[in-house]
Amino acid sequence: MKKDYKEYIIYKCLVCNRSFILLGEEVKHDENESKYITCPYHGKHRKIIVTGAHDSIKECMKERSYKRDKGKIKQMK
């Protein structure tokens, strides 16, 4: 069975200028049920754009730099 979508999709909210990642299966499921996607930080923001789509989470993390701090991964950029 071949997938015609990427596993992880990166979105950016145009109102608060924050980025977030969603699973491709969840996005496809919501589209089939005629639901829309909103910003997870502020639920009323509906102006979002797709900035990237990748097959693995490591590809998503290459765009920014991360550092391990006391066992937790923190975003530096």
PDB file of N, CA and C in Angstrom:
ATOM      1  N   MET A   1       0.842  -1.174   0.000  1.00  0.00           N
ATOM      2  CA  MET A   1       0.000   0.000   0.000  1.00  0.00           C
ATOM      3  C   MET A   1       0.892   1.244   0.000  1.00  0.00           C
ATOM      4  N   LYS A   2       0.747   2.084  -0.995  1.00  0.00           N
ATOM      5  CA  LYS A   2       1.579   3.265  -1.141  1.00  0.00           C
ATOM      6  C   LYS A   2       0.898   4.486  -0.548  1.00  0.00           C
ATOM      7  N   LYS A   3       1.677   5.279   0.218  1.00  0.00           N
ATOM      8  CA  LYS A   3       1.137   6.503   0.792  1.00  0.00           C
ATOM      9  C   LYS A   3       1.294   7.628  -0.215  1.00  0.00           C
ATOM     10  N   ASP A   4       0.273   8.457  -0.362  1.00  0.00           N
ATOM     11  CA  ASP A   4       0.348   9.605  -1.256  1.00  0.00           C
ATOM     12  C   ASP A   4       0.456  10.905  -0.477  1.00  0.00           C
ATOM     13  N   TYR A   5       0.865  10.825   0.797  1.00  0.00           N
ATOM     14  CA  TYR A   5       1.020  12.003   1.633  1.00  0.00           C
ATOM     15  C   TYR A   5       2.282  11.834   2.481  1.00  0.00           C
ATOM     16  N   LYS A   6       2.755  12.928   3.011  1.00  0.00           N
ATOM     17  CA  LYS A   6       3.924  12.899   3.883  1.00  0.00           C
ATOM     18  C   LYS A   6       3.482  12.584   5.310  1.00  0.00           C
ATOM     19  N   GLU A   7       4.389  12.034   6.078  1.00  0.00           N
ATOM     20  CA  GLU A   7       4.073  11.600   7.441  1.00  0.00           C
ATOM     21  C   GLU A   7       3.893  12.783   8.402  1.00  0.00           C
ATOM     22  N   TYR A   8       4.729  13.829   8.262  1.00  0.00           N
ATOM     23  CA  TYR A   8       4.674  14.989   9.140  1.00  0.00           C
ATOM     24  C   TYR A   8       4.526  16.256   8.304  1.00  0.00           C
ATOM     25  N   ILE A   9       3.612  17.133   8.696  1.00  0.00           N
ATOM     26  CA  ILE A   9       3.358  18.374   7.979  1.00  0.00           C
ATOM     27  C   ILE A   9       3.613  19.541   8.931  1.00  0.00           C
ATOM     28  N   ILE A  10       4.414  20.509   8.469  1.00  0.00           N
ATOM     29  CA  ILE A  10       4.755  21.679   9.285  1.00  0.00           C
ATOM     30  C   ILE A  10       3.855  22.841   8.860  1.00  0.00           C
ATOM     31  N   TYR A  11       3.195  23.436   9.842  1.00  0.00           N
ATOM     32  CA  TYR A  11       2.312  24.580   9.606  1.00  0.00           C
ATOM     33  C   TYR A  11       2.864  25.803  10.314  1.00  0.00           C
ATOM     34  N   LYS A  12       2.469  26.980   9.841  1.00  0.00           N
ATOM     35  CA  LYS A  12       2.837  28.232  10.496  1.00  0.00           C
ATOM     36  C   LYS A  12       1.594  29.102  10.595  1.00  0.00           C
ATOM     37  N   CYS A  13       1.346  29.624  11.793  1.00  0.00           N
ATOM     38  CA  CYS A  13       0.222  30.520  12.021  1.00  0.00           C
ATOM     39  C   CYS A  13       0.631  31.920  11.576  1.00  0.00           C
ATOM     40  N   LEU A  14      -0.161  32.536  10.726  1.00  0.00           N
ATOM     41  CA  LEU A  14       0.155  33.871  10.226  1.00  0.00           C
ATOM     42  C   LEU A  14      -0.195  34.969  11.219  1.00  0.00           C
ATOM     43  N   VAL A  15      -0.989  34.664  12.242  1.00  0.00           N
ATOM     44  CA  VAL A  15      -1.390  35.658  13.235  1.00  0.00           C
ATOM     45  C   VAL A  15      -0.354  35.765  14.345  1.00  0.00           C
ATOM     46  N   CYS A  16      -0.016  34.624  14.977  1.00  0.00           N
ATOM     47  CA  CYS A  16       0.929  34.656  16.099  1.00  0.00           C
ATOM     48  C   CYS A  16       2.345  34.278  15.688  1.00  0.00           C
ATOM     49  N   ASN A  17       2.544  33.880  14.427  1.00  0.00           N
ATOM     50  CA  ASN A  17       3.860  33.589  13.854  1.00  0.00           C
ATOM     51  C   ASN A  17       4.557  32.405  14.534  1.00  0.00           C
ATOM     52  N   ARG A  18       3.801  31.408  14.965  1.00  0.00           N
ATOM     53  CA  ARG A  18       4.358  30.207  15.579  1.00  0.00           C
ATOM     54  C   ARG A  18       4.211  29.031  14.630  1.00  0.00           C
ATOM     55  N   SER A  19       5.136  28.079  14.733  1.00  0.00           N
ATOM     56  CA  SER A  19       5.104  26.880  13.902  1.00  0.00           C
ATOM     57  C   SER A  19       4.679  25.679  14.732  1.00  0.00           C
ATOM     58  N   PHE A  20       4.054  24.710  14.064  1.00  0.00           N
ATOM     59  CA  PHE A  20       3.670  23.469  14.726  1.00  0.00           C
ATOM     60  C   PHE A  20       3.641  22.348  13.705  1.00  0.00           C
ATOM     61  N   ILE A  21       3.769  21.117  14.178  1.00  0.00           N
ATOM     62  CA  ILE A  21       3.833  19.934  13.323  1.00  0.00           C
ATOM     63  C   ILE A  21       2.642  19.038  13.623  1.00  0.00           C
ATOM     64  N   LEU A  22       2.006  18.548  12.561  1.00  0.00           N
ATOM     65  CA  LEU A  22       0.891  17.610  12.702  1.00  0.00           C
ATOM     66  C   LEU A  22       1.188  16.344  11.911  1.00  0.00           C
ATOM     67  N   LEU A  23       0.614  15.239  12.352  1.00  0.00           N
ATOM     68  CA  LEU A  23       0.734  13.982  11.621  1.00  0.00           C
ATOM     69  C   LEU A  23      -0.131  14.016  10.366  1.00  0.00           C
ATOM     70  N   GLY A  24       0.393  13.489   9.278  1.00  0.00           N
ATOM     71  CA  GLY A  24      -0.319  13.487   8.012  1.00  0.00           C
ATOM     72  C   GLY A  24      -1.625  12.705   8.062  1.00  0.00           C
ATOM     73  N   GLU A  25      -1.644  11.600   8.814  1.00  0.00           N
ATOM     74  CA  GLU A  25      -2.863  10.798   8.931  1.00  0.00           C
ATOM     75  C   GLU A  25      -3.979  11.580   9.604  1.00  0.00           C
ATOM     76  N   GLU A  26      -3.626  12.336  10.638  1.00  0.00           N
ATOM     77  CA  GLU A  26      -4.631  13.131  11.352  1.00  0.00           C
ATOM     78  C   GLU A  26      -5.192  14.239  10.464  1.00  0.00           C
ATOM     79  N   VAL A  27      -4.332  14.875   9.680  1.00  0.00           N
ATOM     80  CA  VAL A  27      -4.777  15.935   8.777  1.00  0.00           C
ATOM     81  C   VAL A  27      -5.713  15.365   7.725  1.00  0.00           C
ATOM     82  N   LYS A  28      -5.351  14.208   7.178  1.00  0.00           N
ATOM     83  CA  LYS A  28      -6.185  13.572   6.161  1.00  0.00           C
ATOM     84  C   LYS A  28      -7.540  13.167   6.750  1.00  0.00           C
ATOM     85  N   HIS A  29      -7.541  12.659   7.974  1.00  0.00           N
ATOM     86  CA  HIS A  29      -8.774  12.269   8.654  1.00  0.00           C
ATOM     87  C   HIS A  29      -9.687  13.479   8.865  1.00  0.00           C
ATOM     88  N   ASP A  30      -9.095  14.601   9.305  1.00  0.00           N
ATOM     89  CA  ASP A  30      -9.881  15.818   9.516  1.00  0.00           C
ATOM     90  C   ASP A  30     -10.445  16.364   8.211  1.00  0.00           C
ATOM     91  N   GLU A  31      -9.679  16.273   7.117  1.00  0.00           N
ATOM     92  CA  GLU A  31     -10.173  16.731   5.820  1.00  0.00           C
ATOM     93  C   GLU A  31     -11.356  15.881   5.360  1.00  0.00           C
ATOM     94  N   ASN A  32     -11.303  14.580   5.620  1.00  0.00           N
ATOM     95  CA  ASN A  32     -12.411  13.692   5.234  1.00  0.00           C
ATOM     96  C   ASN A  32     -13.676  13.988   6.025  1.00  0.00           C
ATOM     97  N   GLU A  33     -13.530  14.484   7.243  1.00  0.00           N
ATOM     98  CA  GLU A  33     -14.685  14.823   8.073  1.00  0.00           C
ATOM     99  C   GLU A  33     -15.079  16.288   7.943  1.00  0.00           C
ATOM    100  N   SER A  34     -14.484  17.002   6.993  1.00  0.00           N
ATOM    101  CA  SER A  34     -14.769  18.419   6.724  1.00  0.00           C
ATOM    102  C   SER A  34     -14.483  19.306   7.927  1.00  0.00           C
ATOM    103  N   LYS A  35     -13.397  19.015   8.634  1.00  0.00           N
ATOM    104  CA  LYS A  35     -12.964  19.842   9.748  1.00  0.00           C
ATOM    105  C   LYS A  35     -11.803  20.718   9.283  1.00  0.00           C
ATOM    106  N   TYR A  36     -11.585  21.834   9.947  1.00  0.00           N
ATOM    107  CA  TYR A  36     -10.492  22.717   9.593  1.00  0.00           C
ATOM    108  C   TYR A  36      -9.437  22.712  10.691  1.00  0.00           C
ATOM    109  N   ILE A  37      -8.248  23.174  10.357  1.00  0.00           N
ATOM    110  CA  ILE A  37      -7.126  23.192  11.290  1.00  0.00           C
ATOM    111  C   ILE A  37      -6.951  24.597  11.833  1.00  0.00           C
ATOM    112  N   THR A  38      -6.748  24.700  13.137  1.00  0.00           N
ATOM    113  CA  THR A  38      -6.490  25.991  13.775  1.00  0.00           C
ATOM    114  C   THR A  38      -5.150  25.928  14.501  1.00  0.00           C
ATOM    115  N   CYS A  39      -4.684  27.074  14.915  1.00  0.00           N
ATOM    116  CA  CYS A  39      -3.435  27.179  15.666  1.00  0.00           C
ATOM    117  C   CYS A  39      -3.629  26.526  17.044  1.00  0.00           C
ATOM    118  N   PRO A  40      -2.728  25.609  17.451  1.00  0.00           N
ATOM    119  CA  PRO A  40      -2.891  24.972  18.757  1.00  0.00           C
ATOM    120  C   PRO A  40      -2.587  25.908  19.932  1.00  0.00           C
ATOM    121  N   TYR A  41      -1.881  26.993  19.670  1.00  0.00           N
ATOM    122  CA  TYR A  41      -1.548  27.938  20.739  1.00  0.00           C
ATOM    123  C   TYR A  41      -2.715  28.870  21.040  1.00  0.00           C
ATOM    124  N   HIS A  42      -3.426  29.295  20.000  1.00  0.00           N
ATOM    125  CA  HIS A  42      -4.600  30.155  20.133  1.00  0.00           C
ATOM    126  C   HIS A  42      -5.666  29.566  19.211  1.00  0.00           C
ATOM    127  N   GLY A  43      -6.669  28.942  19.749  1.00  0.00           N
ATOM    128  CA  GLY A  43      -7.658  28.192  18.983  1.00  0.00           C
ATOM    129  C   GLY A  43      -8.460  28.990  17.979  1.00  0.00           C
ATOM    130  N   LYS A  44      -8.454  30.310  18.073  1.00  0.00           N
ATOM    131  CA  LYS A  44      -9.252  31.124  17.164  1.00  0.00           C
ATOM    132  C   LYS A  44      -8.510  31.469  15.872  1.00  0.00           C
ATOM    133  N   HIS A  45      -7.204  31.271  15.830  1.00  0.00           N
ATOM    134  CA  HIS A  45      -6.427  31.613  14.643  1.00  0.00           C
ATOM    135  C   HIS A  45      -6.617  30.548  13.566  1.00  0.00           C
ATOM    136  N   ARG A  46      -7.211  30.934  12.440  1.00  0.00           N
ATOM    137  CA  ARG A  46      -7.456  29.998  11.355  1.00  0.00           C
ATOM    138  C   ARG A  46      -6.590  30.285  10.132  1.00  0.00           C
ATOM    139  N   LYS A  47      -5.796  31.363  10.196  1.00  0.00           N
ATOM    140  CA  LYS A  47      -4.928  31.719   9.078  1.00  0.00           C
ATOM    141  C   LYS A  47      -3.591  30.996   9.249  1.00  0.00           C
ATOM    142  N   ILE A  48      -3.495  29.790   8.682  1.00  0.00           N
ATOM    143  CA  ILE A  48      -2.267  29.014   8.763  1.00  0.00           C
ATOM    144  C   ILE A  48      -1.856  28.593   7.362  1.00  0.00           C
ATOM    145  N   ILE A  49      -0.546  28.385   7.179  1.00  0.00           N
ATOM    146  CA  ILE A  49      -0.029  27.931   5.895  1.00  0.00           C
ATOM    147  C   ILE A  49       0.875  26.729   6.126  1.00  0.00           C
ATOM    148  N   VAL A  50       1.038  25.919   5.092  1.00  0.00           N
ATOM    149  CA  VAL A  50       1.948  24.779   5.138  1.00  0.00           C
ATOM    150  C   VAL A  50       3.331  25.278   4.748  1.00  0.00           C
ATOM    151  N   THR A  51       4.312  25.032   5.606  1.00  0.00           N
ATOM    152  CA  THR A  51       5.675  25.460   5.305  1.00  0.00           C
ATOM    153  C   THR A  51       6.577  24.302   4.918  1.00  0.00           C
ATOM    154  N   GLY A  52       6.125  23.064   5.153  1.00  0.00           N
ATOM    155  CA  GLY A  52       6.930  21.910   4.776  1.00  0.00           C
ATOM    156  C   GLY A  52       6.221  20.616   5.088  1.00  0.00           C
ATOM    157  N   ALA A  53       6.693  19.545   4.436  1.00  0.00           N
ATOM    158  CA  ALA A  53       6.159  18.202   4.681  1.00  0.00           C
ATOM    159  C   ALA A  53       7.316  17.220   4.559  1.00  0.00           C
ATOM    160  N   HIS A  54       7.438  16.321   5.524  1.00  0.00           N
ATOM    161  CA  HIS A  54       8.556  15.389   5.564  1.00  0.00           C
ATOM    162  C   HIS A  54       8.066  13.999   5.927  1.00  0.00           C
ATOM    163  N   ASP A  55       8.921  13.004   5.614  1.00  0.00           N
ATOM    164  CA  ASP A  55       8.591  11.622   5.939  1.00  0.00           C
ATOM    165  C   ASP A  55       9.051  11.209   7.326  1.00  0.00           C
ATOM    166  N   SER A  56      10.029  11.905   7.887  1.00  0.00           N
ATOM    167  CA  SER A  56      10.491  11.551   9.227  1.00  0.00           C
ATOM    168  C   SER A  56      10.615  12.806  10.077  1.00  0.00           C
ATOM    169  N   ILE A  57      10.554  12.617  11.374  1.00  0.00           N
ATOM    170  CA  ILE A  57      10.640  13.746  12.300  1.00  0.00           C
ATOM    171  C   ILE A  57      12.058  14.311  12.324  1.00  0.00           C
ATOM    172  N   LYS A  58      13.065  13.494  12.011  1.00  0.00           N
ATOM    173  CA  LYS A  58      14.441  13.984  11.963  1.00  0.00           C
ATOM    174  C   LYS A  58      14.615  15.024  10.861  1.00  0.00           C
ATOM    175  N   GLU A  59      13.934  14.844   9.733  1.00  0.00           N
ATOM    176  CA  GLU A  59      14.000  15.832   8.655  1.00  0.00           C
ATOM    177  C   GLU A  59      13.394  17.156   9.104  1.00  0.00           C
ATOM    178  N   CYS A  60      12.338  17.112   9.888  1.00  0.00           N
ATOM    179  CA  CYS A  60      11.722  18.336  10.402  1.00  0.00           C
ATOM    180  C   CYS A  60      12.666  19.065  11.346  1.00  0.00           C
ATOM    181  N   MET A  61      13.406  18.320  12.156  1.00  0.00           N
ATOM    182  CA  MET A  61      14.279  18.914  13.149  1.00  0.00           C
ATOM    183  C   MET A  61      15.567  19.473  12.555  1.00  0.00           C
ATOM    184  N   LYS A  62      15.930  19.093  11.321  1.00  0.00           N
ATOM    185  CA  LYS A  62      17.148  19.597  10.696  1.00  0.00           C
ATOM    186  C   LYS A  62      17.041  21.073  10.362  1.00  0.00           C
ATOM    187  N   GLU A  63      15.846  21.602  10.211  1.00  0.00           N
ATOM    188  CA  GLU A  63      15.662  22.997   9.844  1.00  0.00           C
ATOM    189  C   GLU A  63      16.018  23.943  10.982  1.00  0.00           C
ATOM    190  N   ARG A  64      15.993  23.471  12.200  1.00  0.00           N
ATOM    191  CA  ARG A  64      16.329  24.288  13.359  1.00  0.00           C
ATOM    192  C   ARG A  64      17.414  23.563  14.150  1.00  0.00           C
ATOM    193  N   SER A  65      18.050  24.268  15.055  1.00  0.00           N
ATOM    194  CA  SER A  65      19.084  23.627  15.860  1.00  0.00           C
ATOM    195  C   SER A  65      18.533  23.348  17.256  1.00  0.00           C
ATOM    196  N   TYR A  66      18.897  22.199  17.784  1.00  0.00           N
ATOM    197  CA  TYR A  66      18.433  21.761  19.092  1.00  0.00           C
ATOM    198  C   TYR A  66      19.631  21.396  19.954  1.00  0.00           C
ATOM    199  N   LYS A  67      19.473  21.531  21.266  1.00  0.00           N
ATOM    200  CA  LYS A  67      20.539  21.208  22.202  1.00  0.00           C
ATOM    201  C   LYS A  67      19.934  20.464  23.389  1.00  0.00           C
ATOM    202  N   ARG A  68      20.652  19.461  23.857  1.00  0.00           N
ATOM    203  CA  ARG A  68      20.184  18.697  25.013  1.00  0.00           C
ATOM    204  C   ARG A  68      20.591  19.435  26.287  1.00  0.00           C
ATOM    205  N   ASP A  69      19.624  19.640  27.184  1.00  0.00           N
ATOM    206  CA  ASP A  69      19.871  20.340  28.438  1.00  0.00           C
ATOM    207  C   ASP A  69      19.223  19.554  29.567  1.00  0.00           C
ATOM    208  N   LYS A  70      20.043  18.931  30.390  1.00  0.00           N
ATOM    209  CA  LYS A  70      19.581  18.128  31.520  1.00  0.00           C
ATOM    210  C   LYS A  70      18.590  17.046  31.095  1.00  0.00           C
ATOM    211  N   GLY A  71      18.876  16.393  29.978  1.00  0.00           N
ATOM    212  CA  GLY A  71      18.037  15.305  29.502  1.00  0.00           C
ATOM    213  C   GLY A  71      16.883  15.722  28.621  1.00  0.00           C
ATOM    214  N   LYS A  72      16.647  17.013  28.483  1.00  0.00           N
ATOM    215  CA  LYS A  72      15.544  17.503  27.641  1.00  0.00           C
ATOM    216  C   LYS A  72      16.129  18.156  26.394  1.00  0.00           C
ATOM    217  N   ILE A  73      15.412  18.077  25.298  1.00  0.00           N
ATOM    218  CA  ILE A  73      15.835  18.720  24.070  1.00  0.00           C
ATOM    219  C   ILE A  73      15.185  20.088  23.999  1.00  0.00           C
ATOM    220  N   LYS A  74      16.013  21.130  23.806  1.00  0.00           N
ATOM    221  CA  LYS A  74      15.520  22.493  23.714  1.00  0.00           C
ATOM    222  C   LYS A  74      15.872  23.072  22.347  1.00  0.00           C
ATOM    223  N   GLN A  75      14.976  23.865  21.819  1.00  0.00           N
ATOM    224  CA  GLN A  75      15.192  24.509  20.524  1.00  0.00           C
ATOM    225  C   GLN A  75      16.028  25.766  20.740  1.00  0.00           C
ATOM    226  N   MET A  76      17.081  25.932  19.962  1.00  0.00           N
ATOM    227  CA  MET A  76      17.975  27.071  20.128  1.00  0.00           C
ATOM    228  C   MET A  76      17.634  28.209  19.164  1.00  0.00           C
ATOM    229  N   LYS A  77      17.206  27.911  17.952  1.00  0.00           N
ATOM    230  CA  LYS A  77      16.851  28.940  16.979  1.00  0.00           C
ATOM    231  C   LYS A  77      15.371  29.120  16.901  1.00  0.00           C
TER     232      LYS A  77
END
